[in-house]
mmCIF file of all heavy atoms, coordinates in Angstrom:
data_MODEL
# 
_entry.id   MODEL 
# 
loop_
_atom_site.group_PDB 
_atom_site.id 
_atom_site.type_symbol 
_atom_site.label_atom_id 
_atom_site.label_alt_id 
_atom_site.label_comp_id 
_atom_site.label_asym_id 
_atom_site.label_entity_id 
_atom_site.label_seq_id 
_atom_site.pdbx_PDB_ins_code 
_atom_site.Cartn_x 
_atom_site.Cartn_y 
_atom_site.Cartn_z 
_atom_site.occupancy 
_atom_site.B_iso_or_equiv 
_atom_site.pdbx_formal_charge 
_atom_site.auth_seq_id 
_atom_site.auth_comp_id 
_atom_site.auth_asym_id 
_atom_site.auth_atom_id 
_atom_site.pdbx_PDB_model_num 
ATOM 1   N N   . ARG A 1 1  ? 2.105   -16.579 1.187   1.00 0.00 ? 1  ARG A N   1 
ATOM 2   C CA  . ARG A 1 1  ? 1.216   -17.286 0.262   1.00 0.00 ? 1  ARG A CA  1 
ATOM 3   C C   . ARG A 1 1  ? 0.504   -16.307 -0.656  1.00 0.00 ? 1  ARG A C   1 
ATOM 4   O O   . ARG A 1 1  ? 0.287   -16.589 -1.841  1.00 0.00 ? 1  ARG A O   1 
ATOM 5   C CB  . ARG A 1 1  ? 0.182   -18.112 1.036   1.00 0.00 ? 1  ARG A CB  1 
ATOM 6   C CG  . ARG A 1 1  ? -0.612  -19.063 0.136   1.00 0.00 ? 1  ARG A CG  1 
ATOM 7   C CD  . ARG A 1 1  ? -1.715  -19.772 0.872   1.00 0.00 ? 1  ARG A CD  1 
ATOM 8   N NE  . ARG A 1 1  ? -2.861  -18.911 1.142   1.00 0.00 ? 1  ARG A NE  1 
ATOM 9   C CZ  . ARG A 1 1  ? -3.796  -18.584 0.240   1.00 0.00 ? 1  ARG A CZ  1 
ATOM 10  N NH1 . ARG A 1 1  ? -3.702  -19.037 -1.007  1.00 0.00 ? 1  ARG A NH1 1 
ATOM 11  N NH2 . ARG A 1 1  ? -4.806  -17.805 0.567   1.00 0.00 ? 1  ARG A NH2 1 
ATOM 12  N N   . ILE A 1 2  ? 0.129   -15.153 -0.102  1.00 0.00 ? 2  ILE A N   1 
ATOM 13  C CA  . ILE A 1 2  ? -0.530  -14.115 -0.904  1.00 0.00 ? 2  ILE A CA  1 
ATOM 14  C C   . ILE A 1 2  ? 0.142   -12.777 -0.631  1.00 0.00 ? 2  ILE A C   1 
ATOM 15  O O   . ILE A 1 2  ? 0.796   -12.595 0.398   1.00 0.00 ? 2  ILE A O   1 
ATOM 16  C CB  . ILE A 1 2  ? -2.035  -14.019 -0.597  1.00 0.00 ? 2  ILE A CB  1 
ATOM 17  C CG1 . ILE A 1 2  ? -2.256  -13.647 0.877   1.00 0.00 ? 2  ILE A CG1 1 
ATOM 18  C CG2 . ILE A 1 2  ? -2.759  -15.318 -0.951  1.00 0.00 ? 2  ILE A CG2 1 
ATOM 19  C CD1 . ILE A 1 2  ? -3.705  -13.373 1.238   1.00 0.00 ? 2  ILE A CD1 1 
ATOM 20  N N   . ALA A 1 3  ? -0.033  -11.851 -1.546  1.00 0.00 ? 3  ALA A N   1 
ATOM 21  C CA  . ALA A 1 3  ? 0.514   -10.501 -1.378  1.00 0.00 ? 3  ALA A CA  1 
ATOM 22  C C   . ALA A 1 3  ? -0.532  -9.601  -0.738  1.00 0.00 ? 3  ALA A C   1 
ATOM 23  O O   . ALA A 1 3  ? -1.724  -9.691  -1.056  1.00 0.00 ? 3  ALA A O   1 
ATOM 24  C CB  . ALA A 1 3  ? 0.946   -9.940  -2.722  1.00 0.00 ? 3  ALA A CB  1 
ATOM 25  N N   . ALA A 1 4  ? -0.081  -8.743  0.166   1.00 0.00 ? 4  ALA A N   1 
ATOM 26  C CA  . ALA A 1 4  ? -0.955  -7.762  0.806   1.00 0.00 ? 4  ALA A CA  1 
ATOM 27  C C   . ALA A 1 4  ? -0.600  -6.380  0.269   1.00 0.00 ? 4  ALA A C   1 
ATOM 28  O O   . ALA A 1 4  ? 0.568   -5.963  0.316   1.00 0.00 ? 4  ALA A O   1 
ATOM 29  C CB  . ALA A 1 4  ? -0.784  -7.795  2.311   1.00 0.00 ? 4  ALA A CB  1 
ATOM 30  N N   . THR A 1 5  ? -1.602  -5.670  -0.241  1.00 0.00 ? 5  THR A N   1 
ATOM 31  C CA  . THR A 1 5  ? -1.402  -4.324  -0.787  1.00 0.00 ? 5  THR A CA  1 
ATOM 32  C C   . THR A 1 5  ? -2.334  -3.362  -0.074  1.00 0.00 ? 5  THR A C   1 
ATOM 33  O O   . THR A 1 5  ? -3.527  -3.639  0.082   1.00 0.00 ? 5  THR A O   1 
ATOM 34  C CB  . THR A 1 5  ? -1.688  -4.296  -2.297  1.00 0.00 ? 5  THR A CB  1 
ATOM 35  O OG1 . THR A 1 5  ? -0.768  -5.166  -2.969  1.00 0.00 ? 5  THR A OG1 1 
ATOM 36  C CG2 . THR A 1 5  ? -1.536  -2.887  -2.848  1.00 0.00 ? 5  THR A CG2 1 
ATOM 37  N N   . LEU A 1 6  ? -1.791  -2.233  0.362   1.00 0.00 ? 6  LEU A N   1 
ATOM 38  C CA  . LEU A 1 6  ? -2.582  -1.228  1.058   1.00 0.00 ? 6  LEU A CA  1 
ATOM 39  C C   . LEU A 1 6  ? -2.915  -0.073  0.124   1.00 0.00 ? 6  LEU A C   1 
ATOM 40  O O   . LEU A 1 6  ? -2.018  0.607   -0.388  1.00 0.00 ? 6  LEU A O   1 
ATOM 41  C CB  . LEU A 1 6  ? -1.828  -0.689  2.272   1.00 0.00 ? 6  LEU A CB  1 
ATOM 42  C CG  . LEU A 1 6  ? -1.423  -1.693  3.345   1.00 0.00 ? 6  LEU A CG  1 
ATOM 43  C CD1 . LEU A 1 6  ? -0.783  -0.964  4.531   1.00 0.00 ? 6  LEU A CD1 1 
ATOM 44  C CD2 . LEU A 1 6  ? -2.598  -2.533  3.800   1.00 0.00 ? 6  LEU A CD2 1 
ATOM 45  N N   . ALA A 1 7  ? -4.208  0.126   -0.102  1.00 0.00 ? 7  ALA A N   1 
ATOM 46  C CA  . ALA A 1 7  ? -4.691  1.332   -0.792  1.00 0.00 ? 7  ALA A CA  1 
ATOM 47  C C   . ALA A 1 7  ? -5.386  2.166   0.273   1.00 0.00 ? 7  ALA A C   1 
ATOM 48  O O   . ALA A 1 7  ? -6.610  2.249   0.348   1.00 0.00 ? 7  ALA A O   1 
ATOM 49  C CB  . ALA A 1 7  ? -5.635  0.962   -1.926  1.00 0.00 ? 7  ALA A CB  1 
ATOM 50  N N   . THR A 1 8  ? -4.570  2.766   1.127   1.00 0.00 ? 8  THR A N   1 
ATOM 51  C CA  . THR A 1 8  ? -5.062  3.485   2.303   1.00 0.00 ? 8  THR A CA  1 
ATOM 52  C C   . THR A 1 8  ? -4.392  4.855   2.375   1.00 0.00 ? 8  THR A C   1 
ATOM 53  O O   . THR A 1 8  ? -3.705  5.270   1.438   1.00 0.00 ? 8  THR A O   1 
ATOM 54  C CB  . THR A 1 8  ? -4.744  2.692   3.589   1.00 0.00 ? 8  THR A CB  1 
ATOM 55  O OG1 . THR A 1 8  ? -3.306  2.667   3.770   1.00 0.00 ? 8  THR A OG1 1 
ATOM 56  C CG2 . THR A 1 8  ? -5.269  1.267   3.516   1.00 0.00 ? 8  THR A CG2 1 
ATOM 57  N N   . GLY A 1 9  ? -4.552  5.527   3.494   1.00 0.00 ? 9  GLY A N   1 
ATOM 58  C CA  . GLY A 1 9  ? -3.868  6.788   3.724   1.00 0.00 ? 9  GLY A CA  1 
ATOM 59  C C   . GLY A 1 9  ? -2.465  6.607   4.270   1.00 0.00 ? 9  GLY A C   1 
ATOM 60  O O   . GLY A 1 9  ? -1.813  7.591   4.630   1.00 0.00 ? 9  GLY A O   1 
ATOM 61  N N   . ILE A 1 10 ? -1.979  5.376   4.333   1.00 0.00 ? 10 ILE A N   1 
ATOM 62  C CA  . ILE A 1 10 ? -0.606  5.089   4.778   1.00 0.00 ? 10 ILE A CA  1 
ATOM 63  C C   . ILE A 1 10 ? 0.332   5.269   3.586   1.00 0.00 ? 10 ILE A C   1 
ATOM 64  O O   . ILE A 1 10 ? 0.086   4.732   2.502   1.00 0.00 ? 10 ILE A O   1 
ATOM 65  C CB  . ILE A 1 10 ? -0.524  3.659   5.351   1.00 0.00 ? 10 ILE A CB  1 
ATOM 66  C CG1 . ILE A 1 10 ? -1.444  3.543   6.570   1.00 0.00 ? 10 ILE A CG1 1 
ATOM 67  C CG2 . ILE A 1 10 ? 0.906   3.314   5.741   1.00 0.00 ? 10 ILE A CG2 1 
ATOM 68  C CD1 . ILE A 1 10 ? -1.603  2.124   7.101   1.00 0.00 ? 10 ILE A CD1 1 
ATOM 69  N N   . SER A 1 11 ? 1.407   6.004   3.770   1.00 0.00 ? 11 SER A N   1 
ATOM 70  C CA  . SER A 1 11 ? 2.261   6.445   2.668   1.00 0.00 ? 11 SER A CA  1 
ATOM 71  C C   . SER A 1 11 ? 3.038   5.295   2.035   1.00 0.00 ? 11 SER A C   1 
ATOM 72  O O   . SER A 1 11 ? 3.237   4.240   2.648   1.00 0.00 ? 11 SER A O   1 
ATOM 73  C CB  . SER A 1 11 ? 3.257   7.489   3.173   1.00 0.00 ? 11 SER A CB  1 
ATOM 74  O OG  . SER A 1 11 ? 4.238   6.868   4.004   1.00 0.00 ? 11 SER A OG  1 
ATOM 75  N N   . PRO A 1 12 ? 3.518   5.490   0.781   1.00 0.00 ? 12 PRO A N   1 
ATOM 76  C CA  . PRO A 1 12 ? 4.357   4.466   0.138   1.00 0.00 ? 12 PRO A CA  1 
ATOM 77  C C   . PRO A 1 12 ? 5.603   4.142   0.955   1.00 0.00 ? 12 PRO A C   1 
ATOM 78  O O   . PRO A 1 12 ? 5.994   2.974   1.063   1.00 0.00 ? 12 PRO A O   1 
ATOM 79  C CB  . PRO A 1 12 ? 4.729   5.113   -1.206  1.00 0.00 ? 12 PRO A CB  1 
ATOM 80  C CG  . PRO A 1 12 ? 3.676   6.127   -1.454  1.00 0.00 ? 12 PRO A CG  1 
ATOM 81  C CD  . PRO A 1 12 ? 3.242   6.630   -0.114  1.00 0.00 ? 12 PRO A CD  1 
ATOM 82  N N   . HIS A 1 13 ? 6.231   5.174   1.540   1.00 0.00 ? 13 HIS A N   1 
ATOM 83  C CA  . HIS A 1 13 ? 7.429   4.943   2.343   1.00 0.00 ? 13 HIS A CA  1 
ATOM 84  C C   . HIS A 1 13 ? 7.115   4.071   3.561   1.00 0.00 ? 13 HIS A C   1 
ATOM 85  O O   . HIS A 1 13 ? 7.850   3.130   3.875   1.00 0.00 ? 13 HIS A O   1 
ATOM 86  C CB  . HIS A 1 13 ? 8.011   6.284   2.801   1.00 0.00 ? 13 HIS A CB  1 
ATOM 87  C CG  . HIS A 1 13 ? 9.121   6.138   3.811   1.00 0.00 ? 13 HIS A CG  1 
ATOM 88  N ND1 . HIS A 1 13 ? 10.389  5.714   3.466   1.00 0.00 ? 13 HIS A ND1 1 
ATOM 89  C CD2 . HIS A 1 13 ? 9.140   6.338   5.180   1.00 0.00 ? 13 HIS A CD2 1 
ATOM 90  C CE1 . HIS A 1 13 ? 11.144  5.671   4.555   1.00 0.00 ? 13 HIS A CE1 1 
ATOM 91  N NE2 . HIS A 1 13 ? 10.410  6.033   5.588   1.00 0.00 ? 13 HIS A NE2 1 
ATOM 92  N N   . ALA A 1 14 ? 6.002   4.372   4.228   1.00 0.00 ? 14 ALA A N   1 
ATOM 93  C CA  . ALA A 1 14 ? 5.619   3.580   5.399   1.00 0.00 ? 14 ALA A CA  1 
ATOM 94  C C   . ALA A 1 14 ? 5.292   2.146   5.005   1.00 0.00 ? 14 ALA A C   1 
ATOM 95  O O   . ALA A 1 14 ? 5.628   1.209   5.733   1.00 0.00 ? 14 ALA A O   1 
ATOM 96  C CB  . ALA A 1 14 ? 4.421   4.226   6.095   1.00 0.00 ? 14 ALA A CB  1 
ATOM 97  N N   . CYS A 1 15 ? 4.665   1.948   3.848   1.00 0.00 ? 15 CYS A N   1 
ATOM 98  C CA  . CYS A 1 15 ? 4.356   0.589   3.383   1.00 0.00 ? 15 CYS A CA  1 
ATOM 99  C C   . CYS A 1 15 ? 5.634   -0.204  3.144   1.00 0.00 ? 15 CYS A C   1 
ATOM 100 O O   . CYS A 1 15 ? 5.724   -1.381  3.511   1.00 0.00 ? 15 CYS A O   1 
ATOM 101 C CB  . CYS A 1 15 ? 3.509   0.640   2.118   1.00 0.00 ? 15 CYS A CB  1 
ATOM 102 S SG  . CYS A 1 15 ? 1.793   1.122   2.400   1.00 0.00 ? 15 CYS A SG  1 
ATOM 103 N N   . ARG A 1 16 ? 6.605   0.425   2.501   1.00 0.00 ? 16 ARG A N   1 
ATOM 104 C CA  . ARG A 1 16 ? 7.878   -0.275  2.279   1.00 0.00 ? 16 ARG A CA  1 
ATOM 105 C C   . ARG A 1 16 ? 8.523   -0.651  3.602   1.00 0.00 ? 16 ARG A C   1 
ATOM 106 O O   . ARG A 1 16 ? 9.081   -1.751  3.757   1.00 0.00 ? 16 ARG A O   1 
ATOM 107 C CB  . ARG A 1 16 ? 8.823   0.605   1.461   1.00 0.00 ? 16 ARG A CB  1 
ATOM 108 C CG  . ARG A 1 16 ? 8.447   0.731   -0.012  1.00 0.00 ? 16 ARG A CG  1 
ATOM 109 C CD  . ARG A 1 16 ? 9.581   1.351   -0.821  1.00 0.00 ? 16 ARG A CD  1 
ATOM 110 N NE  . ARG A 1 16 ? 9.874   2.713   -0.381  1.00 0.00 ? 16 ARG A NE  1 
ATOM 111 C CZ  . ARG A 1 16 ? 9.281   3.796   -0.868  1.00 0.00 ? 16 ARG A CZ  1 
ATOM 112 N NH1 . ARG A 1 16 ? 8.345   3.681   -1.810  1.00 0.00 ? 16 ARG A NH1 1 
ATOM 113 N NH2 . ARG A 1 16 ? 9.607   5.001   -0.440  1.00 0.00 ? 16 ARG A NH2 1 
ATOM 114 N N   . LYS A 1 17 ? 8.461   0.252   4.563   1.00 0.00 ? 17 LYS A N   1 
ATOM 115 C CA  . LYS A 1 17 ? 9.091   0.015   5.858   1.00 0.00 ? 17 LYS A CA  1 
ATOM 116 C C   . LYS A 1 17 ? 8.473   -1.160  6.595   1.00 0.00 ? 17 LYS A C   1 
ATOM 117 O O   . LYS A 1 17 ? 9.168   -1.902  7.296   1.00 0.00 ? 17 LYS A O   1 
ATOM 118 C CB  . LYS A 1 17 ? 8.999   1.282   6.716   1.00 0.00 ? 17 LYS A CB  1 
ATOM 119 C CG  . LYS A 1 17 ? 9.739   1.209   8.036   1.00 0.00 ? 17 LYS A CG  1 
ATOM 120 C CD  . LYS A 1 17 ? 9.677   2.541   8.776   1.00 0.00 ? 17 LYS A CD  1 
ATOM 121 C CE  . LYS A 1 17 ? 10.417  2.455   10.102  1.00 0.00 ? 17 LYS A CE  1 
ATOM 122 N NZ  . LYS A 1 17 ? 10.363  3.747   10.847  1.00 0.00 ? 17 LYS A NZ  1 
ATOM 123 N N   . ILE A 1 18 ? 7.168   -1.338  6.431   1.00 0.00 ? 18 ILE A N   1 
ATOM 124 C CA  . ILE A 1 18 ? 6.491   -2.414  7.167   1.00 0.00 ? 18 ILE A CA  1 
ATOM 125 C C   . ILE A 1 18 ? 6.309   -3.672  6.314   1.00 0.00 ? 18 ILE A C   1 
ATOM 126 O O   . ILE A 1 18 ? 5.632   -4.609  6.727   1.00 0.00 ? 18 ILE A O   1 
ATOM 127 C CB  . ILE A 1 18 ? 5.129   -1.952  7.717   1.00 0.00 ? 18 ILE A CB  1 
ATOM 128 C CG1 . ILE A 1 18 ? 4.204   -1.509  6.581   1.00 0.00 ? 18 ILE A CG1 1 
ATOM 129 C CG2 . ILE A 1 18 ? 5.322   -0.855  8.760   1.00 0.00 ? 18 ILE A CG2 1 
ATOM 130 C CD1 . ILE A 1 18 ? 2.803   -1.127  7.030   1.00 0.00 ? 18 ILE A CD1 1 
ATOM 131 N N   . ASN A 1 19 ? 6.905   -3.680  5.116   1.00 0.00 ? 19 ASN A N   1 
ATOM 132 C CA  . ASN A 1 19 ? 6.966   -4.906  4.319   1.00 0.00 ? 19 ASN A CA  1 
ATOM 133 C C   . ASN A 1 19 ? 5.631   -5.272  3.674   1.00 0.00 ? 19 ASN A C   1 
ATOM 134 O O   . ASN A 1 19 ? 5.265   -6.447  3.598   1.00 0.00 ? 19 ASN A O   1 
ATOM 135 C CB  . ASN A 1 19 ? 7.476   -6.076  5.170   1.00 0.00 ? 19 ASN A CB  1 
ATOM 136 C CG  . ASN A 1 19 ? 7.905   -7.274  4.341   1.00 0.00 ? 19 ASN A CG  1 
ATOM 137 O OD1 . ASN A 1 19 ? 8.411   -7.125  3.230   1.00 0.00 ? 19 ASN A OD1 1 
ATOM 138 N ND2 . ASN A 1 19 ? 7.685   -8.466  4.879   1.00 0.00 ? 19 ASN A ND2 1 
ATOM 139 N N   . VAL A 1 20 ? 4.891   -4.260  3.210   1.00 0.00 ? 20 VAL A N   1 
ATOM 140 C CA  . VAL A 1 20 ? 3.684   -4.518  2.418   1.00 0.00 ? 20 VAL A CA  1 
ATOM 141 C C   . VAL A 1 20 ? 3.721   -3.627  1.179   1.00 0.00 ? 20 VAL A C   1 
ATOM 142 O O   . VAL A 1 20 ? 4.455   -2.639  1.126   1.00 0.00 ? 20 VAL A O   1 
ATOM 143 C CB  . VAL A 1 20 ? 2.385   -4.257  3.214   1.00 0.00 ? 20 VAL A CB  1 
ATOM 144 C CG1 . VAL A 1 20 ? 2.260   -5.214  4.375   1.00 0.00 ? 20 VAL A CG1 1 
ATOM 145 C CG2 . VAL A 1 20 ? 2.304   -2.811  3.683   1.00 0.00 ? 20 VAL A CG2 1 
ATOM 146 N N   . SER A 1 21 ? 2.915   -3.991  0.178   1.00 0.00 ? 21 SER A N   1 
ATOM 147 C CA  . SER A 1 21 ? 2.874   -3.219  -1.058  1.00 0.00 ? 21 SER A CA  1 
ATOM 148 C C   . SER A 1 21 ? 1.939   -2.021  -0.908  1.00 0.00 ? 21 SER A C   1 
ATOM 149 O O   . SER A 1 21 ? 1.060   -2.000  -0.052  1.00 0.00 ? 21 SER A O   1 
ATOM 150 C CB  . SER A 1 21 ? 2.409   -4.103  -2.219  1.00 0.00 ? 21 SER A CB  1 
ATOM 151 O OG  . SER A 1 21 ? 3.304   -5.187  -2.411  1.00 0.00 ? 21 SER A OG  1 
ATOM 152 N N   . TYR A 1 22 ? 2.138   -1.046  -1.790  1.00 0.00 ? 22 TYR A N   1 
ATOM 153 C CA  . TYR A 1 22 ? 1.341   0.186   -1.762  1.00 0.00 ? 22 TYR A CA  1 
ATOM 154 C C   . TYR A 1 22 ? 0.610   0.358   -3.083  1.00 0.00 ? 22 TYR A C   1 
ATOM 155 O O   . TYR A 1 22 ? 1.144   0.076   -4.163  1.00 0.00 ? 22 TYR A O   1 
ATOM 156 C CB  . TYR A 1 22 ? 2.242   1.391   -1.519  1.00 0.00 ? 22 TYR A CB  1 
ATOM 157 C CG  . TYR A 1 22 ? 1.552   2.734   -1.703  1.00 0.00 ? 22 TYR A CG  1 
ATOM 158 C CD1 . TYR A 1 22 ? 0.801   3.293   -0.671  1.00 0.00 ? 22 TYR A CD1 1 
ATOM 159 C CD2 . TYR A 1 22 ? 1.637   3.423   -2.919  1.00 0.00 ? 22 TYR A CD2 1 
ATOM 160 C CE1 . TYR A 1 22 ? 0.157   4.515   -0.842  1.00 0.00 ? 22 TYR A CE1 1 
ATOM 161 C CE2 . TYR A 1 22 ? 1.001   4.654   -3.093  1.00 0.00 ? 22 TYR A CE2 1 
ATOM 162 C CZ  . TYR A 1 22 ? 0.264   5.191   -2.050  1.00 0.00 ? 22 TYR A CZ  1 
ATOM 163 O OH  . TYR A 1 22 ? -0.373  6.390   -2.222  1.00 0.00 ? 22 TYR A OH  1 
ATOM 164 N N   . SER A 1 23 ? -0.622  0.837   -3.000  1.00 0.00 ? 23 SER A N   1 
ATOM 165 C CA  . SER A 1 23 ? -1.367  1.255   -4.187  1.00 0.00 ? 23 SER A CA  1 
ATOM 166 C C   . SER A 1 23 ? -2.029  2.587   -3.858  1.00 0.00 ? 23 SER A C   1 
ATOM 167 O O   . SER A 1 23 ? -2.609  2.752   -2.777  1.00 0.00 ? 23 SER A O   1 
ATOM 168 C CB  . SER A 1 23 ? -2.432  0.213   -4.555  1.00 0.00 ? 23 SER A CB  1 
ATOM 169 O OG  . SER A 1 23 ? -3.167  0.630   -5.692  1.00 0.00 ? 23 SER A OG  1 
ATOM 170 N N   . ASP A 1 24 ? -1.928  3.537   -4.757  1.00 0.00 ? 24 ASP A N   1 
ATOM 171 C CA  . ASP A 1 24 ? -2.482  4.867   -4.526  1.00 0.00 ? 24 ASP A CA  1 
ATOM 172 C C   . ASP A 1 24 ? -4.013  4.787   -4.531  1.00 0.00 ? 24 ASP A C   1 
ATOM 173 O O   . ASP A 1 24 ? -4.620  4.469   -5.562  1.00 0.00 ? 24 ASP A O   1 
ATOM 174 C CB  . ASP A 1 24 ? -2.016  5.815   -5.627  1.00 0.00 ? 24 ASP A CB  1 
ATOM 175 C CG  . ASP A 1 24 ? -2.425  7.255   -5.366  1.00 0.00 ? 24 ASP A CG  1 
ATOM 176 O OD1 . ASP A 1 24 ? -3.225  7.499   -4.435  1.00 0.00 ? 24 ASP A OD1 1 
ATOM 177 O OD2 . ASP A 1 24 ? -1.951  8.136   -6.108  1.00 0.00 ? 24 ASP A OD2 1 
ATOM 178 N N   . PRO A 1 25 ? -4.672  5.055   -3.389  1.00 0.00 ? 25 PRO A N   1 
ATOM 179 C CA  . PRO A 1 25 ? -6.127  4.932   -3.361  1.00 0.00 ? 25 PRO A CA  1 
ATOM 180 C C   . PRO A 1 25 ? -6.822  5.929   -4.283  1.00 0.00 ? 25 PRO A C   1 
ATOM 181 O O   . PRO A 1 25 ? -7.942  5.672   -4.742  1.00 0.00 ? 25 PRO A O   1 
ATOM 182 C CB  . PRO A 1 25 ? -6.474  5.204   -1.888  1.00 0.00 ? 25 PRO A CB  1 
ATOM 183 C CG  . PRO A 1 25 ? -5.320  5.968   -1.345  1.00 0.00 ? 25 PRO A CG  1 
ATOM 184 C CD  . PRO A 1 25 ? -4.117  5.465   -2.081  1.00 0.00 ? 25 PRO A CD  1 
ATOM 185 N N   . SER A 1 26 ? -6.159  7.071   -4.576  1.00 0.00 ? 26 SER A N   1 
ATOM 186 C CA  . SER A 1 26 ? -6.786  8.054   -5.466  1.00 0.00 ? 26 SER A CA  1 
ATOM 187 C C   . SER A 1 26 ? -6.864  7.544   -6.895  1.00 0.00 ? 26 SER A C   1 
ATOM 188 O O   . SER A 1 26 ? -7.620  8.072   -7.716  1.00 0.00 ? 26 SER A O   1 
ATOM 189 C CB  . SER A 1 26 ? -6.020  9.377   -5.420  1.00 0.00 ? 26 SER A CB  1 
ATOM 190 O OG  . SER A 1 26 ? -4.718  9.219   -5.971  1.00 0.00 ? 26 SER A OG  1 
ATOM 191 N N   . GLY A 1 27 ? -6.077  6.515   -7.191  1.00 0.00 ? 27 GLY A N   1 
ATOM 192 C CA  . GLY A 1 27 ? -6.118  5.926   -8.527  1.00 0.00 ? 27 GLY A CA  1 
ATOM 193 C C   . GLY A 1 27 ? -7.202  4.886   -8.681  1.00 0.00 ? 27 GLY A C   1 
ATOM 194 O O   . GLY A 1 27 ? -7.363  4.301   -9.761  1.00 0.00 ? 27 GLY A O   1 
ATOM 195 N N   . ILE A 1 28 ? -7.938  4.628   -7.594  1.00 0.00 ? 28 ILE A N   1 
ATOM 196 C CA  . ILE A 1 28 ? -9.030  3.664   -7.623  1.00 0.00 ? 28 ILE A CA  1 
ATOM 197 C C   . ILE A 1 28 ? -10.337 4.449   -7.544  1.00 0.00 ? 28 ILE A C   1 
ATOM 198 O O   . ILE A 1 28 ? -10.540 5.236   -6.617  1.00 0.00 ? 28 ILE A O   1 
ATOM 199 C CB  . ILE A 1 28 ? -8.931  2.673   -6.455  1.00 0.00 ? 28 ILE A CB  1 
ATOM 200 C CG1 . ILE A 1 28 ? -7.612  1.897   -6.534  1.00 0.00 ? 28 ILE A CG1 1 
ATOM 201 C CG2 . ILE A 1 28 ? -10.115 1.710   -6.450  1.00 0.00 ? 28 ILE A CG2 1 
ATOM 202 C CD1 . ILE A 1 28 ? -7.373  0.981   -5.349  1.00 0.00 ? 28 ILE A CD1 1 
ATOM 203 N N   . ASN A 1 29 ? -11.189 4.235   -8.501  1.00 0.00 ? 29 ASN A N   1 
ATOM 204 C CA  . ASN A 1 29 ? -12.473 4.933   -8.535  1.00 0.00 ? 29 ASN A CA  1 
ATOM 205 C C   . ASN A 1 29 ? -13.470 4.191   -7.656  1.00 0.00 ? 29 ASN A C   1 
ATOM 206 O O   . ASN A 1 29 ? -13.868 3.066   -7.970  1.00 0.00 ? 29 ASN A O   1 
ATOM 207 C CB  . ASN A 1 29 ? -13.000 5.004   -9.972  1.00 0.00 ? 29 ASN A CB  1 
ATOM 208 C CG  . ASN A 1 29 ? -14.280 5.820   -10.072 1.00 0.00 ? 29 ASN A CG  1 
ATOM 209 O OD1 . ASN A 1 29 ? -14.882 6.196   -9.058  1.00 0.00 ? 29 ASN A OD1 1 
ATOM 210 N ND2 . ASN A 1 29 ? -14.702 6.109   -11.296 1.00 0.00 ? 29 ASN A ND2 1 
# 
């Protein structure tokens, strides 16, 4: 129903593996 995106210390590769989206937390002020 909704998308889940992680802006955490979990890597982009790990996010893809577990079926969630990734956002670089360093790009968020």
